[in-house]
């Protein structure tokens, strides 16, 4: 599972591409990716180009607005430890929550904490 980190300061500037990072990643790999993406310590960053994720997560990752790299890293860690049955259950939970929340997409803390808790209760 991969993500591209981009510094808001440089986004859209000619030649700037950000930095790719494979998830789950160690804190050292994350710090290195932030440095390669040239994200100043006090600045905001964006996450894009979600590759290698389960297909059902793609719309949630692309369309959700509030997510941090730490939350995405935790999500990648949890997803990487799931077998096919658990991934199917997780997909169903996300779809039910999406329907319940009238089409709103989310990935941040709600998806990581709440959905993992829902998944644990269903298993």
PDB file of N, CA and C in Angstrom:
ATOM      1  N   UNK A   1       0.852  -1.163   0.000  1.00  0.00           N
ATOM      2  CA  UNK A   1       0.000   0.000   0.000  1.00  0.00           C
ATOM      3  C   UNK A   1       0.899   1.227   0.000  1.00  0.00           C
ATOM      4  N   UNK A   2       0.623   2.136  -0.911  1.00  0.00           N
ATOM      5  CA  UNK A   2       1.448   3.330  -1.041  1.00  0.00           C
ATOM      6  C   UNK A   2       0.594   4.587  -1.036  1.00  0.00           C
ATOM      7  N   UNK A   3       1.244   5.686  -0.665  1.00  0.00           N
ATOM      8  CA  UNK A   3       0.632   7.001  -0.687  1.00  0.00           C
ATOM      9  C   UNK A   3       1.715   7.999  -1.101  1.00  0.00           C
ATOM     10  N   UNK A   4       1.287   9.101  -1.694  1.00  0.00           N
ATOM     11  CA  UNK A   4       2.208  10.180  -2.030  1.00  0.00           C
ATOM     12  C   UNK A   4       1.923  11.364  -1.121  1.00  0.00           C
ATOM     13  N   UNK A   5       2.977  11.892  -0.516  1.00  0.00           N
ATOM     14  CA  UNK A   5       2.873  13.049   0.373  1.00  0.00           C
ATOM     15  C   UNK A   5       3.297  14.283  -0.419  1.00  0.00           C
ATOM     16  N   UNK A   6       2.488  15.339  -0.348  1.00  0.00           N
ATOM     17  CA  UNK A   6       2.839  16.589  -1.023  1.00  0.00           C
ATOM     18  C   UNK A   6       2.738  17.745  -0.038  1.00  0.00           C
ATOM     19  N   UNK A   7       3.702  18.643  -0.102  1.00  0.00           N
ATOM     20  CA  UNK A   7       3.678  19.847   0.728  1.00  0.00           C
ATOM     21  C   UNK A   7       2.721  20.846   0.096  1.00  0.00           C
ATOM     22  N   UNK A   8       1.800  21.371   0.866  1.00  0.00           N
ATOM     23  CA  UNK A   8       0.857  22.355   0.336  1.00  0.00           C
ATOM     24  C   UNK A   8       1.594  23.572  -0.233  1.00  0.00           C
ATOM     25  N   UNK A   9       2.726  23.889   0.356  1.00  0.00           N
ATOM     26  CA  UNK A   9       3.522  25.033  -0.073  1.00  0.00           C
ATOM     27  C   UNK A   9       3.990  24.916  -1.523  1.00  0.00           C
ATOM     28  N   UNK A  10       4.271  23.684  -1.961  1.00  0.00           N
ATOM     29  CA  UNK A  10       4.835  23.471  -3.299  1.00  0.00           C
ATOM     30  C   UNK A  10       3.856  22.842  -4.280  1.00  0.00           C
ATOM     31  N   UNK A  11       2.679  22.455  -3.821  1.00  0.00           N
ATOM     32  CA  UNK A  11       1.718  21.779  -4.683  1.00  0.00           C
ATOM     33  C   UNK A  11       1.379  22.664  -5.890  1.00  0.00           C
ATOM     34  N   UNK A  12       1.415  22.061  -7.069  1.00  0.00           N
ATOM     35  CA  UNK A  12       1.095  22.784  -8.295  1.00  0.00           C
ATOM     36  C   UNK A  12       2.284  23.489  -8.933  1.00  0.00           C
ATOM     37  N   UNK A  13       3.415  23.487  -8.261  1.00  0.00           N
ATOM     38  CA  UNK A  13       4.599  24.147  -8.824  1.00  0.00           C
ATOM     39  C   UNK A  13       5.284  23.194  -9.800  1.00  0.00           C
ATOM     40  N   UNK A  14       5.822  23.755 -10.841  1.00  0.00           N
ATOM     41  CA  UNK A  14       6.463  22.966 -11.891  1.00  0.00           C
ATOM     42  C   UNK A  14       7.599  22.107 -11.316  1.00  0.00           C
ATOM     43  N   UNK A  15       7.581  20.830 -11.661  1.00  0.00           N
ATOM     44  CA  UNK A  15       8.635  19.906 -11.259  1.00  0.00           C
ATOM     45  C   UNK A  15       8.458  19.281  -9.890  1.00  0.00           C
ATOM     46  N   UNK A  16       7.486  19.752  -9.114  1.00  0.00           N
ATOM     47  CA  UNK A  16       7.297  19.195  -7.772  1.00  0.00           C
ATOM     48  C   UNK A  16       6.372  17.989  -7.838  1.00  0.00           C
ATOM     49  N   UNK A  17       6.806  16.875  -7.248  1.00  0.00           N
ATOM     50  CA  UNK A  17       6.015  15.648  -7.273  1.00  0.00           C
ATOM     51  C   UNK A  17       5.706  15.079  -5.898  1.00  0.00           C
ATOM     52  N   UNK A  18       6.277  15.593  -4.853  1.00  0.00           N
ATOM     53  CA  UNK A  18       6.067  15.018  -3.533  1.00  0.00           C
ATOM     54  C   UNK A  18       6.942  13.792  -3.336  1.00  0.00           C
ATOM     55  N   UNK A  19       6.568  12.955  -2.383  1.00  0.00           N
ATOM     56  CA  UNK A  19       7.352  11.758  -2.075  1.00  0.00           C
ATOM     57  C   UNK A  19       6.421  10.575  -1.860  1.00  0.00           C
ATOM     58  N   UNK A  20       6.786   9.433  -2.446  1.00  0.00           N
ATOM     59  CA  UNK A  20       6.021   8.197  -2.260  1.00  0.00           C
ATOM     60  C   UNK A  20       6.469   7.512  -0.980  1.00  0.00           C
ATOM     61  N   UNK A  21       5.521   6.862  -0.333  1.00  0.00           N
ATOM     62  CA  UNK A  21       5.808   6.138   0.898  1.00  0.00           C
ATOM     63  C   UNK A  21       4.994   4.853   0.914  1.00  0.00           C
ATOM     64  N   UNK A  22       5.661   3.747   1.196  1.00  0.00           N
ATOM     65  CA  UNK A  22       4.980   2.461   1.368  1.00  0.00           C
ATOM     66  C   UNK A  22       4.500   2.351   2.809  1.00  0.00           C
ATOM     67  N   UNK A  23       3.237   1.942   2.964  1.00  0.00           N
ATOM     68  CA  UNK A  23       2.643   1.798   4.285  1.00  0.00           C
ATOM     69  C   UNK A  23       2.298   0.345   4.559  1.00  0.00           C
ATOM     70  N   UNK A  24       2.306  -0.104   5.793  1.00  0.00           N
ATOM     71  CA  UNK A  24       2.670   0.636   6.988  1.00  0.00           C
ATOM     72  C   UNK A  24       4.170   0.936   7.019  1.00  0.00           C
ATOM     73  N   UNK A  25       4.514   2.052   7.655  1.00  0.00           N
ATOM     74  CA  UNK A  25       5.894   2.516   7.681  1.00  0.00           C
ATOM     75  C   UNK A  25       6.316   2.836   9.113  1.00  0.00           C
ATOM     76  N   UNK A  26       7.606   2.773   9.338  1.00  0.00           N
ATOM     77  CA  UNK A  26       8.153   3.148  10.650  1.00  0.00           C
ATOM     78  C   UNK A  26       8.176   4.665  10.764  1.00  0.00           C
ATOM     79  N   UNK A  27       8.352   5.162  11.968  1.00  0.00           N
ATOM     80  CA  UNK A  27       8.409   6.615  12.155  1.00  0.00           C
ATOM     81  C   UNK A  27       9.591   7.221  11.423  1.00  0.00           C
ATOM     82  N   UNK A  28      10.674   6.430  11.259  1.00  0.00           N
ATOM     83  CA  UNK A  28      11.848   6.924  10.543  1.00  0.00           C
ATOM     84  C   UNK A  28      11.559   7.048   9.050  1.00  0.00           C
ATOM     85  N   UNK A  29      10.846   6.073   8.498  1.00  0.00           N
ATOM     86  CA  UNK A  29      10.467   6.135   7.080  1.00  0.00           C
ATOM     87  C   UNK A  29       9.511   7.293   6.837  1.00  0.00           C
ATOM     88  N   UNK A  30       8.615   7.548   7.782  1.00  0.00           N
ATOM     89  CA  UNK A  30       7.680   8.669   7.653  1.00  0.00           C
ATOM     90  C   UNK A  30       8.436   9.991   7.703  1.00  0.00           C
ATOM     91  N   UNK A  31       9.359  10.130   8.651  1.00  0.00           N
ATOM     92  CA  UNK A  31      10.159  11.358   8.743  1.00  0.00           C
ATOM     93  C   UNK A  31      10.960  11.577   7.461  1.00  0.00           C
ATOM     94  N   UNK A  32      11.509  10.501   6.918  1.00  0.00           N
ATOM     95  CA  UNK A  32      12.259  10.598   5.670  1.00  0.00           C
ATOM     96  C   UNK A  32      11.360  11.047   4.519  1.00  0.00           C
ATOM     97  N   UNK A  33      10.162  10.506   4.442  1.00  0.00           N
ATOM     98  CA  UNK A  33       9.225  10.885   3.375  1.00  0.00           C
ATOM     99  C   UNK A  33       8.837  12.356   3.485  1.00  0.00           C
ATOM    100  N   UNK A  34       8.612  12.838   4.691  1.00  0.00           N
ATOM    101  CA  UNK A  34       8.304  14.258   4.871  1.00  0.00           C
ATOM    102  C   UNK A  34       9.473  15.131   4.411  1.00  0.00           C
ATOM    103  N   UNK A  35      10.679  14.679   4.693  1.00  0.00           N
ATOM    104  CA  UNK A  35      11.857  15.434   4.260  1.00  0.00           C
ATOM    105  C   UNK A  35      11.975  15.413   2.742  1.00  0.00           C
ATOM    106  N   UNK A  36      11.778  14.246   2.117  1.00  0.00           N
ATOM    107  CA  UNK A  36      11.851  14.154   0.660  1.00  0.00           C
ATOM    108  C   UNK A  36      10.749  14.970  -0.016  1.00  0.00           C
ATOM    109  N   UNK A  37       9.587  15.063   0.634  1.00  0.00           N
ATOM    110  CA  UNK A  37       8.479  15.848   0.087  1.00  0.00           C
ATOM    111  C   UNK A  37       8.656  17.341   0.362  1.00  0.00           C
ATOM    112  N   UNK A  38       9.670  17.684   1.136  1.00  0.00           N
ATOM    113  CA  UNK A  38       9.985  19.073   1.484  1.00  0.00           C
ATOM    114  C   UNK A  38       8.847  19.748   2.243  1.00  0.00           C
ATOM    115  N   UNK A  39       8.254  19.001   3.170  1.00  0.00           N
ATOM    116  CA  UNK A  39       7.172  19.546   3.990  1.00  0.00           C
ATOM    117  C   UNK A  39       7.806  20.250   5.185  1.00  0.00           C
ATOM    118  N   UNK A  40       7.657  21.598   5.275  1.00  0.00           N
ATOM    119  CA  UNK A  40       8.179  22.303   6.452  1.00  0.00           C
ATOM    120  C   UNK A  40       7.472  21.811   7.715  1.00  0.00           C
ATOM    121  N   UNK A  41       8.159  21.882   8.838  1.00  0.00           N
ATOM    122  CA  UNK A  41       7.613  21.336  10.088  1.00  0.00           C
ATOM    123  C   UNK A  41       6.267  21.939  10.472  1.00  0.00           C
ATOM    124  N   UNK A  42       6.072  23.194  10.227  1.00  0.00           N
ATOM    125  CA  UNK A  42       4.849  23.871  10.635  1.00  0.00           C
ATOM    126  C   UNK A  42       3.784  23.911   9.530  1.00  0.00           C
ATOM    127  N   UNK A  43       4.046  23.288   8.400  1.00  0.00           N
ATOM    128  CA  UNK A  43       3.154  23.422   7.250  1.00  0.00           C
ATOM    129  C   UNK A  43       2.223  22.238   7.122  1.00  0.00           C
ATOM    130  N   UNK A  44       1.184  22.447   6.321  1.00  0.00           N
ATOM    131  CA  UNK A  44       0.225  21.392   6.027  1.00  0.00           C
ATOM    132  C   UNK A  44       0.718  20.577   4.838  1.00  0.00           C
ATOM    133  N   UNK A  45       0.154  19.384   4.715  1.00  0.00           N
ATOM    134  CA  UNK A  45       0.532  18.494   3.619  1.00  0.00           C
ATOM    135  C   UNK A  45      -0.717  17.794   3.111  1.00  0.00           C
ATOM    136  N   UNK A  46      -0.597  17.236   1.921  1.00  0.00           N
ATOM    137  CA  UNK A  46      -1.688  16.490   1.340  1.00  0.00           C
ATOM    138  C   UNK A  46      -1.271  15.058   1.063  1.00  0.00           C
ATOM    139  N   UNK A  47      -2.249  14.176   0.972  1.00  0.00           N
ATOM    140  CA  UNK A  47      -2.008  12.771   0.663  1.00  0.00           C
ATOM    141  C   UNK A  47      -2.780  12.428  -0.604  1.00  0.00           C
ATOM    142  N   UNK A  48      -2.109  11.791  -1.541  1.00  0.00           N
ATOM    143  CA  UNK A  48      -2.760  11.439  -2.799  1.00  0.00           C
ATOM    144  C   UNK A  48      -2.119  10.178  -3.377  1.00  0.00           C
ATOM    145  N   UNK A  49      -2.584   9.766  -4.538  1.00  0.00           N
ATOM    146  CA  UNK A  49      -2.093   8.577  -5.255  1.00  0.00           C
ATOM    147  C   UNK A  49      -2.028   7.349  -4.350  1.00  0.00           C
ATOM    148  N   UNK A  50      -3.172   6.891  -3.964  1.00  0.00           N
ATOM    149  CA  UNK A  50      -3.278   5.720  -3.102  1.00  0.00           C
ATOM    150  C   UNK A  50      -3.200   4.471  -3.970  1.00  0.00           C
ATOM    151  N   UNK A  51      -2.078   3.787  -3.937  1.00  0.00           N
ATOM    152  CA  UNK A  51      -1.869   2.615  -4.780  1.00  0.00           C
ATOM    153  C   UNK A  51      -1.665   1.371  -3.919  1.00  0.00           C
ATOM    154  N   UNK A  52      -2.188   0.247  -4.420  1.00  0.00           N
ATOM    155  CA  UNK A  52      -1.996  -1.031  -3.737  1.00  0.00           C
ATOM    156  C   UNK A  52      -2.940  -1.266  -2.569  1.00  0.00           C
ATOM    157  N   UNK A  53      -3.917  -0.402  -2.389  1.00  0.00           N
ATOM    158  CA  UNK A  53      -4.900  -0.568  -1.322  1.00  0.00           C
ATOM    159  C   UNK A  53      -6.008  -1.489  -1.813  1.00  0.00           C
ATOM    160  N   UNK A  54      -6.738  -2.144  -0.916  1.00  0.00           N
ATOM    161  CA  UNK A  54      -7.898  -2.922  -1.365  1.00  0.00           C
ATOM    162  C   UNK A  54      -8.846  -2.021  -2.160  1.00  0.00           C
ATOM    163  N   UNK A  55      -9.411  -2.557  -3.228  1.00  0.00           N
ATOM    164  CA  UNK A  55     -10.232  -1.764  -4.149  1.00  0.00           C
ATOM    165  C   UNK A  55     -11.391  -1.053  -3.451  1.00  0.00           C
ATOM    166  N   UNK A  56     -12.000  -1.677  -2.452  1.00  0.00           N
ATOM    167  CA  UNK A  56     -13.152  -1.058  -1.796  1.00  0.00           C
ATOM    168  C   UNK A  56     -12.770   0.180  -0.991  1.00  0.00           C
ATOM    169  N   UNK A  57     -11.486   0.320  -0.628  1.00  0.00           N
ATOM    170  CA  UNK A  57     -11.050   1.482   0.141  1.00  0.00           C
ATOM    171  C   UNK A  57     -10.731   2.689  -0.733  1.00  0.00           C
ATOM    172  N   UNK A  58     -10.485   2.468  -2.014  1.00  0.00           N
ATOM    173  CA  UNK A  58     -10.054   3.555  -2.899  1.00  0.00           C
ATOM    174  C   UNK A  58     -10.967   4.778  -2.861  1.00  0.00           C
ATOM    175  N   UNK A  59     -12.297   4.630  -3.012  1.00  0.00           N
ATOM    176  CA  UNK A  59     -13.130   5.838  -2.967  1.00  0.00           C
ATOM    177  C   UNK A  59     -13.069   6.558  -1.625  1.00  0.00           C
ATOM    178  N   UNK A  60     -12.976   5.810  -0.545  1.00  0.00           N
ATOM    179  CA  UNK A  60     -12.897   6.421   0.774  1.00  0.00           C
ATOM    180  C   UNK A  60     -11.601   7.210   0.920  1.00  0.00           C
ATOM    181  N   UNK A  61     -10.495   6.636   0.436  1.00  0.00           N
ATOM    182  CA  UNK A  61      -9.210   7.304   0.544  1.00  0.00           C
ATOM    183  C   UNK A  61      -9.145   8.560  -0.313  1.00  0.00           C
ATOM    184  N   UNK A  62      -9.674   8.475  -1.526  1.00  0.00           N
ATOM    185  CA  UNK A  62      -9.617   9.625  -2.438  1.00  0.00           C
ATOM    186  C   UNK A  62     -10.550  10.756  -2.011  1.00  0.00           C
ATOM    187  N   UNK A  63     -11.744  10.427  -1.548  1.00  0.00           N
ATOM    188  CA  UNK A  63     -12.765  11.439  -1.328  1.00  0.00           C
ATOM    189  C   UNK A  63     -12.847  11.967   0.095  1.00  0.00           C
ATOM    190  N   UNK A  64     -12.245  11.280   1.035  1.00  0.00           N
ATOM    191  CA  UNK A  64     -12.286  11.791   2.404  1.00  0.00           C
ATOM    192  C   UNK A  64     -11.347  12.985   2.505  1.00  0.00           C
ATOM    193  N   UNK A  65     -11.764  13.984   3.250  1.00  0.00           N
ATOM    194  CA  UNK A  65     -10.970  15.203   3.325  1.00  0.00           C
ATOM    195  C   UNK A  65     -10.003  15.204   4.487  1.00  0.00           C
ATOM    196  N   UNK A  66     -10.462  14.857   5.651  1.00  0.00           N
ATOM    197  CA  UNK A  66      -9.606  14.946   6.824  1.00  0.00           C
ATOM    198  C   UNK A  66      -8.975  13.601   7.130  1.00  0.00           C
ATOM    199  N   UNK A  67      -7.679  13.520   6.873  1.00  0.00           N
ATOM    200  CA  UNK A  67      -6.922  12.327   7.249  1.00  0.00           C
ATOM    201  C   UNK A  67      -5.470  12.731   7.409  1.00  0.00           C
ATOM    202  N   UNK A  68      -4.822  12.118   8.362  1.00  0.00           N
ATOM    203  CA  UNK A  68      -3.408  12.379   8.571  1.00  0.00           C
ATOM    204  C   UNK A  68      -2.616  11.156   8.139  1.00  0.00           C
ATOM    205  N   UNK A  69      -1.343  11.339   7.952  1.00  0.00           N
ATOM    206  CA  UNK A  69      -0.498  10.215   7.582  1.00  0.00           C
ATOM    207  C   UNK A  69      -0.457   9.185   8.704  1.00  0.00           C
ATOM    208  N   UNK A  70      -0.495   9.631   9.936  1.00  0.00           N
ATOM    209  CA  UNK A  70      -0.484   8.703  11.063  1.00  0.00           C
ATOM    210  C   UNK A  70      -1.734   7.821  11.053  1.00  0.00           C
ATOM    211  N   UNK A  71      -2.891   8.419  10.776  1.00  0.00           N
ATOM    212  CA  UNK A  71      -4.124   7.645  10.709  1.00  0.00           C
ATOM    213  C   UNK A  71      -4.087   6.657   9.541  1.00  0.00           C
ATOM    214  N   UNK A  72      -3.579   7.114   8.413  1.00  0.00           N
ATOM    215  CA  UNK A  72      -3.480   6.257   7.239  1.00  0.00           C
ATOM    216  C   UNK A  72      -2.496   5.118   7.481  1.00  0.00           C
ATOM    217  N   UNK A  73      -1.416   5.405   8.186  1.00  0.00           N
ATOM    218  CA  UNK A  73      -0.430   4.384   8.512  1.00  0.00           C
ATOM    219  C   UNK A  73      -1.046   3.322   9.422  1.00  0.00           C
ATOM    220  N   UNK A  74      -1.823   3.749  10.401  1.00  0.00           N
ATOM    221  CA  UNK A  74      -2.504   2.798  11.287  1.00  0.00           C
ATOM    222  C   UNK A  74      -3.512   1.964  10.506  1.00  0.00           C
ATOM    223  N   UNK A  75      -4.252   2.612   9.622  1.00  0.00           N
ATOM    224  CA  UNK A  75      -5.205   1.884   8.787  1.00  0.00           C
ATOM    225  C   UNK A  75      -4.489   0.844   7.929  1.00  0.00           C
ATOM    226  N   UNK A  76      -3.371   1.225   7.325  1.00  0.00           N
ATOM    227  CA  UNK A  76      -2.597   0.291   6.504  1.00  0.00           C
ATOM    228  C   UNK A  76      -2.096  -0.883   7.339  1.00  0.00           C
ATOM    229  N   UNK A  77      -1.671  -0.598   8.551  1.00  0.00           N
ATOM    230  CA  UNK A  77      -1.198  -1.665   9.444  1.00  0.00           C
ATOM    231  C   UNK A  77      -2.339  -2.641   9.749  1.00  0.00           C
ATOM    232  N   UNK A  78      -3.501  -2.101  10.095  1.00  0.00           N
ATOM    233  CA  UNK A  78      -4.645  -2.964  10.420  1.00  0.00           C
ATOM    234  C   UNK A  78      -5.091  -3.778   9.206  1.00  0.00           C
ATOM    235  N   UNK A  79      -5.174  -3.126   8.048  1.00  0.00           N
ATOM    236  CA  UNK A  79      -5.620  -3.807   6.829  1.00  0.00           C
ATOM    237  C   UNK A  79      -4.609  -4.889   6.428  1.00  0.00           C
ATOM    238  N   UNK A  80      -3.326  -4.610   6.590  1.00  0.00           N
ATOM    239  CA  UNK A  80      -2.301  -5.584   6.195  1.00  0.00           C
ATOM    240  C   UNK A  80      -2.361  -6.858   7.034  1.00  0.00           C
ATOM    241  N   UNK A  81      -2.980  -6.805   8.202  1.00  0.00           N
ATOM    242  CA  UNK A  81      -3.071  -7.966   9.082  1.00  0.00           C
ATOM    243  C   UNK A  81      -4.392  -8.724   8.922  1.00  0.00           C
ATOM    244  N   UNK A  82      -5.274  -8.234   8.056  1.00  0.00           N
ATOM    245  CA  UNK A  82      -6.574  -8.886   7.866  1.00  0.00           C
ATOM    246  C   UNK A  82      -6.491  -9.959   6.783  1.00  0.00           C
ATOM    247  N   UNK A  83      -7.218 -11.063   7.005  1.00  0.00           N
ATOM    248  CA  UNK A  83      -7.328 -12.080   5.965  1.00  0.00           C
ATOM    249  C   UNK A  83      -8.524 -11.719   5.069  1.00  0.00           C
ATOM    250  N   UNK A  84      -8.811 -12.538   4.075  1.00  0.00           N
ATOM    251  CA  UNK A  84      -9.876 -12.239   3.107  1.00  0.00           C
ATOM    252  C   UNK A  84     -11.242 -12.095   3.774  1.00  0.00           C
ATOM    253  N   UNK A  85     -11.541 -12.948   4.735  1.00  0.00           N
ATOM    254  CA  UNK A  85     -12.824 -12.878   5.428  1.00  0.00           C
ATOM    255  C   UNK A  85     -12.949 -11.571   6.200  1.00  0.00           C
ATOM    256  N   UNK A  86     -11.908 -11.218   6.915  1.00  0.00           N
ATOM    257  CA  UNK A  86     -11.922  -9.981   7.687  1.00  0.00           C
ATOM    258  C   UNK A  86     -12.028  -8.758   6.775  1.00  0.00           C
ATOM    259  N   UNK A  87     -11.345  -8.784   5.620  1.00  0.00           N
ATOM    260  CA  UNK A  87     -11.448  -7.682   4.664  1.00  0.00           C
ATOM    261  C   UNK A  87     -12.883  -7.556   4.147  1.00  0.00           C
ATOM    262  N   UNK A  88     -13.541  -8.685   3.898  1.00  0.00           N
ATOM    263  CA  UNK A  88     -14.933  -8.661   3.457  1.00  0.00           C
ATOM    264  C   UNK A  88     -15.852  -8.055   4.500  1.00  0.00           C
ATOM    265  N   UNK A  89     -15.627  -8.408   5.751  1.00  0.00           N
ATOM    266  CA  UNK A  89     -16.422  -7.846   6.848  1.00  0.00           C
ATOM    267  C   UNK A  89     -16.177  -6.337   6.940  1.00  0.00           C
ATOM    268  N   UNK A  90     -14.922  -5.935   6.850  1.00  0.00           N
ATOM    269  CA  UNK A  90     -14.557  -4.519   6.927  1.00  0.00           C
ATOM    270  C   UNK A  90     -15.197  -3.733   5.782  1.00  0.00           C
ATOM    271  N   UNK A  91     -15.194  -4.306   4.589  1.00  0.00           N
ATOM    272  CA  UNK A  91     -15.824  -3.664   3.426  1.00  0.00           C
ATOM    273  C   UNK A  91     -17.318  -3.452   3.689  1.00  0.00           C
ATOM    274  N   UNK A  92     -17.982  -4.466   4.219  1.00  0.00           N
ATOM    275  CA  UNK A  92     -19.404  -4.346   4.524  1.00  0.00           C
ATOM    276  C   UNK A  92     -19.685  -3.281   5.567  1.00  0.00           C
ATOM    277  N   UNK A  93     -18.852  -3.214   6.577  1.00  0.00           N
ATOM    278  CA  UNK A  93     -19.021  -2.205   7.622  1.00  0.00           C
ATOM    279  C   UNK A  93     -18.885  -0.803   7.036  1.00  0.00           C
ATOM    280  N   UNK A  94     -17.883  -0.599   6.193  1.00  0.00           N
ATOM    281  CA  UNK A  94     -17.696   0.724   5.578  1.00  0.00           C
ATOM    282  C   UNK A  94     -18.891   1.107   4.708  1.00  0.00           C
ATOM    283  N   UNK A  95     -19.412   0.140   3.956  1.00  0.00           N
ATOM    284  CA  UNK A  95     -20.563   0.432   3.098  1.00  0.00           C
ATOM    285  C   UNK A  95     -21.803   0.747   3.921  1.00  0.00           C
ATOM    286  N   UNK A  96     -22.019   0.004   4.997  1.00  0.00           N
ATOM    287  CA  UNK A  96     -23.158   0.290   5.863  1.00  0.00           C
ATOM    288  C   UNK A  96     -23.035   1.663   6.499  1.00  0.00           C
ATOM    289  N   UNK A  97     -21.849   2.004   6.965  1.00  0.00           N
ATOM    290  CA  UNK A  97     -21.631   3.314   7.580  1.00  0.00           C
ATOM    291  C   UNK A  97     -21.808   4.430   6.562  1.00  0.00           C
ATOM    292  N   UNK A  98     -21.352   4.210   5.340  1.00  0.00           N
ATOM    293  CA  UNK A  98     -21.501   5.208   4.285  1.00  0.00           C
ATOM    294  C   UNK A  98     -22.984   5.456   4.018  1.00  0.00           C
ATOM    295  N   UNK A  99     -23.758   4.385   3.927  1.00  0.00           N
ATOM    296  CA  UNK A  99     -25.194   4.522   3.707  1.00  0.00           C
ATOM    297  C   UNK A  99     -25.855   5.257   4.869  1.00  0.00           C
ATOM    298  N   UNK A 100     -25.459   4.909   6.069  1.00  0.00           N
ATOM    299  CA  UNK A 100     -26.036   5.510   7.262  1.00  0.00           C
ATOM    300  C   UNK A 100     -25.687   6.994   7.341  1.00  0.00           C
ATOM    301  N   UNK A 101     -24.493   7.355   6.897  1.00  0.00           N
ATOM    302  CA  UNK A 101     -24.063   8.752   6.966  1.00  0.00           C
ATOM    303  C   UNK A 101     -24.351   9.476   5.657  1.00  0.00           C
ATOM    304  N   UNK A 102     -25.283   8.957   4.882  1.00  0.00           N
ATOM    305  CA  UNK A 102     -25.804   9.579   3.663  1.00  0.00           C
ATOM    306  C   UNK A 102     -24.720   9.912   2.653  1.00  0.00           C
ATOM    307  N   UNK A 103     -23.853   8.946   2.397  1.00  0.00           N
ATOM    308  CA  UNK A 103     -22.888   9.092   1.321  1.00  0.00           C
ATOM    309  C   UNK A 103     -21.620   9.826   1.677  1.00  0.00           C
ATOM    310  N   UNK A 104     -21.462  10.258   2.917  1.00  0.00           N
ATOM    311  CA  UNK A 104     -20.232  10.951   3.285  1.00  0.00           C
ATOM    312  C   UNK A 104     -19.077   9.958   3.342  1.00  0.00           C
ATOM    313  N   UNK A 105     -17.972  10.348   2.770  1.00  0.00           N
ATOM    314  CA  UNK A 105     -16.784   9.502   2.790  1.00  0.00           C
ATOM    315  C   UNK A 105     -15.876   9.954   3.922  1.00  0.00           C
ATOM    316  N   UNK A 106     -15.257   9.011   4.560  1.00  0.00           N
ATOM    317  CA  UNK A 106     -14.368   9.311   5.678  1.00  0.00           C
ATOM    318  C   UNK A 106     -13.330   8.221   5.778  1.00  0.00           C
ATOM    319  N   UNK A 107     -12.168   8.585   6.271  1.00  0.00           N
ATOM    320  CA  UNK A 107     -11.126   7.602   6.500  1.00  0.00           C
ATOM    321  C   UNK A 107     -10.428   7.870   7.816  1.00  0.00           C
ATOM    322  N   UNK A 108     -10.415   9.077   8.290  1.00  0.00           N
ATOM    323  CA  UNK A 108      -9.672   9.467   9.473  1.00  0.00           C
ATOM    324  C   UNK A 108      -9.910   8.605  10.691  1.00  0.00           C
ATOM    325  N   UNK A 109      -9.959   9.227  11.834  1.00  0.00           N
ATOM    326  CA  UNK A 109     -10.093   8.506  13.087  1.00  0.00           C
ATOM    327  C   UNK A 109     -11.341   7.647  13.126  1.00  0.00           C
ATOM    328  N   UNK A 110     -12.453   8.119  12.537  1.00  0.00           N
ATOM    329  CA  UNK A 110     -13.676   7.323  12.520  1.00  0.00           C
ATOM    330  C   UNK A 110     -13.444   5.978  11.855  1.00  0.00           C
ATOM    331  N   UNK A 111     -12.801   5.982  10.706  1.00  0.00           N
ATOM    332  CA  UNK A 111     -12.603   4.742   9.962  1.00  0.00           C
ATOM    333  C   UNK A 111     -11.633   3.827  10.673  1.00  0.00           C
ATOM    334  N   UNK A 112     -10.599   4.384  11.243  1.00  0.00           N
ATOM    335  CA  UNK A 112      -9.591   3.554  11.894  1.00  0.00           C
ATOM    336  C   UNK A 112     -10.107   3.015  13.210  1.00  0.00           C
ATOM    337  N   UNK A 113     -10.550   3.899  14.097  1.00  0.00           N
ATOM    338  CA  UNK A 113     -10.953   3.476  15.431  1.00  0.00           C
ATOM    339  C   UNK A 113     -12.337   2.843  15.438  1.00  0.00           C
ATOM    340  N   UNK A 114     -13.315   3.560  14.959  1.00  0.00           N
ATOM    341  CA  UNK A 114     -14.684   3.066  15.025  1.00  0.00           C
ATOM    342  C   UNK A 114     -14.904   1.817  14.218  1.00  0.00           C
ATOM    343  N   UNK A 115     -14.372   1.777  12.998  1.00  0.00           N
ATOM    344  CA  UNK A 115     -14.604   0.639  12.131  1.00  0.00           C
ATOM    345  C   UNK A 115     -13.859  -0.597  12.614  1.00  0.00           C
ATOM    346  N   UNK A 116     -12.679  -0.405  13.156  1.00  0.00           N
ATOM    347  CA  UNK A 116     -11.964  -1.550  13.710  1.00  0.00           C
ATOM    348  C   UNK A 116     -12.728  -2.083  14.917  1.00  0.00           C
ATOM    349  N   UNK A 117     -13.291  -1.186  15.738  1.00  0.00           N
ATOM    350  CA  UNK A 117     -14.100  -1.634  16.872  1.00  0.00           C
ATOM    351  C   UNK A 117     -15.332  -2.377  16.390  1.00  0.00           C
ATOM    352  N   UNK A 118     -15.998  -1.858  15.325  1.00  0.00           N
ATOM    353  CA  UNK A 118     -17.155  -2.552  14.754  1.00  0.00           C
ATOM    354  C   UNK A 118     -16.751  -3.927  14.261  1.00  0.00           C
ATOM    355  N   UNK A 119     -15.610  -3.993  13.590  1.00  0.00           N
ATOM    356  CA  UNK A 119     -15.124  -5.253  13.039  1.00  0.00           C
ATOM    357  C   UNK A 119     -14.876  -6.243  14.175  1.00  0.00           C
ATOM    358  N   UNK A 120     -14.258  -5.797  15.247  1.00  0.00           N
ATOM    359  CA  UNK A 120     -13.972  -6.707  16.358  1.00  0.00           C
ATOM    360  C   UNK A 120     -15.257  -7.269  16.963  1.00  0.00           C
ATOM    361  N   UNK A 121     -16.287  -6.429  17.047  1.00  0.00           N
ATOM    362  CA  UNK A 121     -17.544  -6.883  17.615  1.00  0.00           C
ATOM    363  C   UNK A 121     -18.251  -7.889  16.713  1.00  0.00           C
ATOM    364  N   UNK A 122     -18.014  -7.776  15.384  1.00  0.00           N
ATOM    365  CA  UNK A 122     -18.708  -8.675  14.464  1.00  0.00           C
ATOM    366  C   UNK A 122     -18.029 -10.025  14.329  1.00  0.00           C
ATOM    367  N   UNK A 123     -16.772 -10.118  14.758  1.00  0.00           N
ATOM    368  CA  UNK A 123     -16.022 -11.379  14.589  1.00  0.00           C
ATOM    369  C   UNK A 123     -16.233 -12.295  15.747  1.00  0.00           C
TER     370      UNK A 123
END
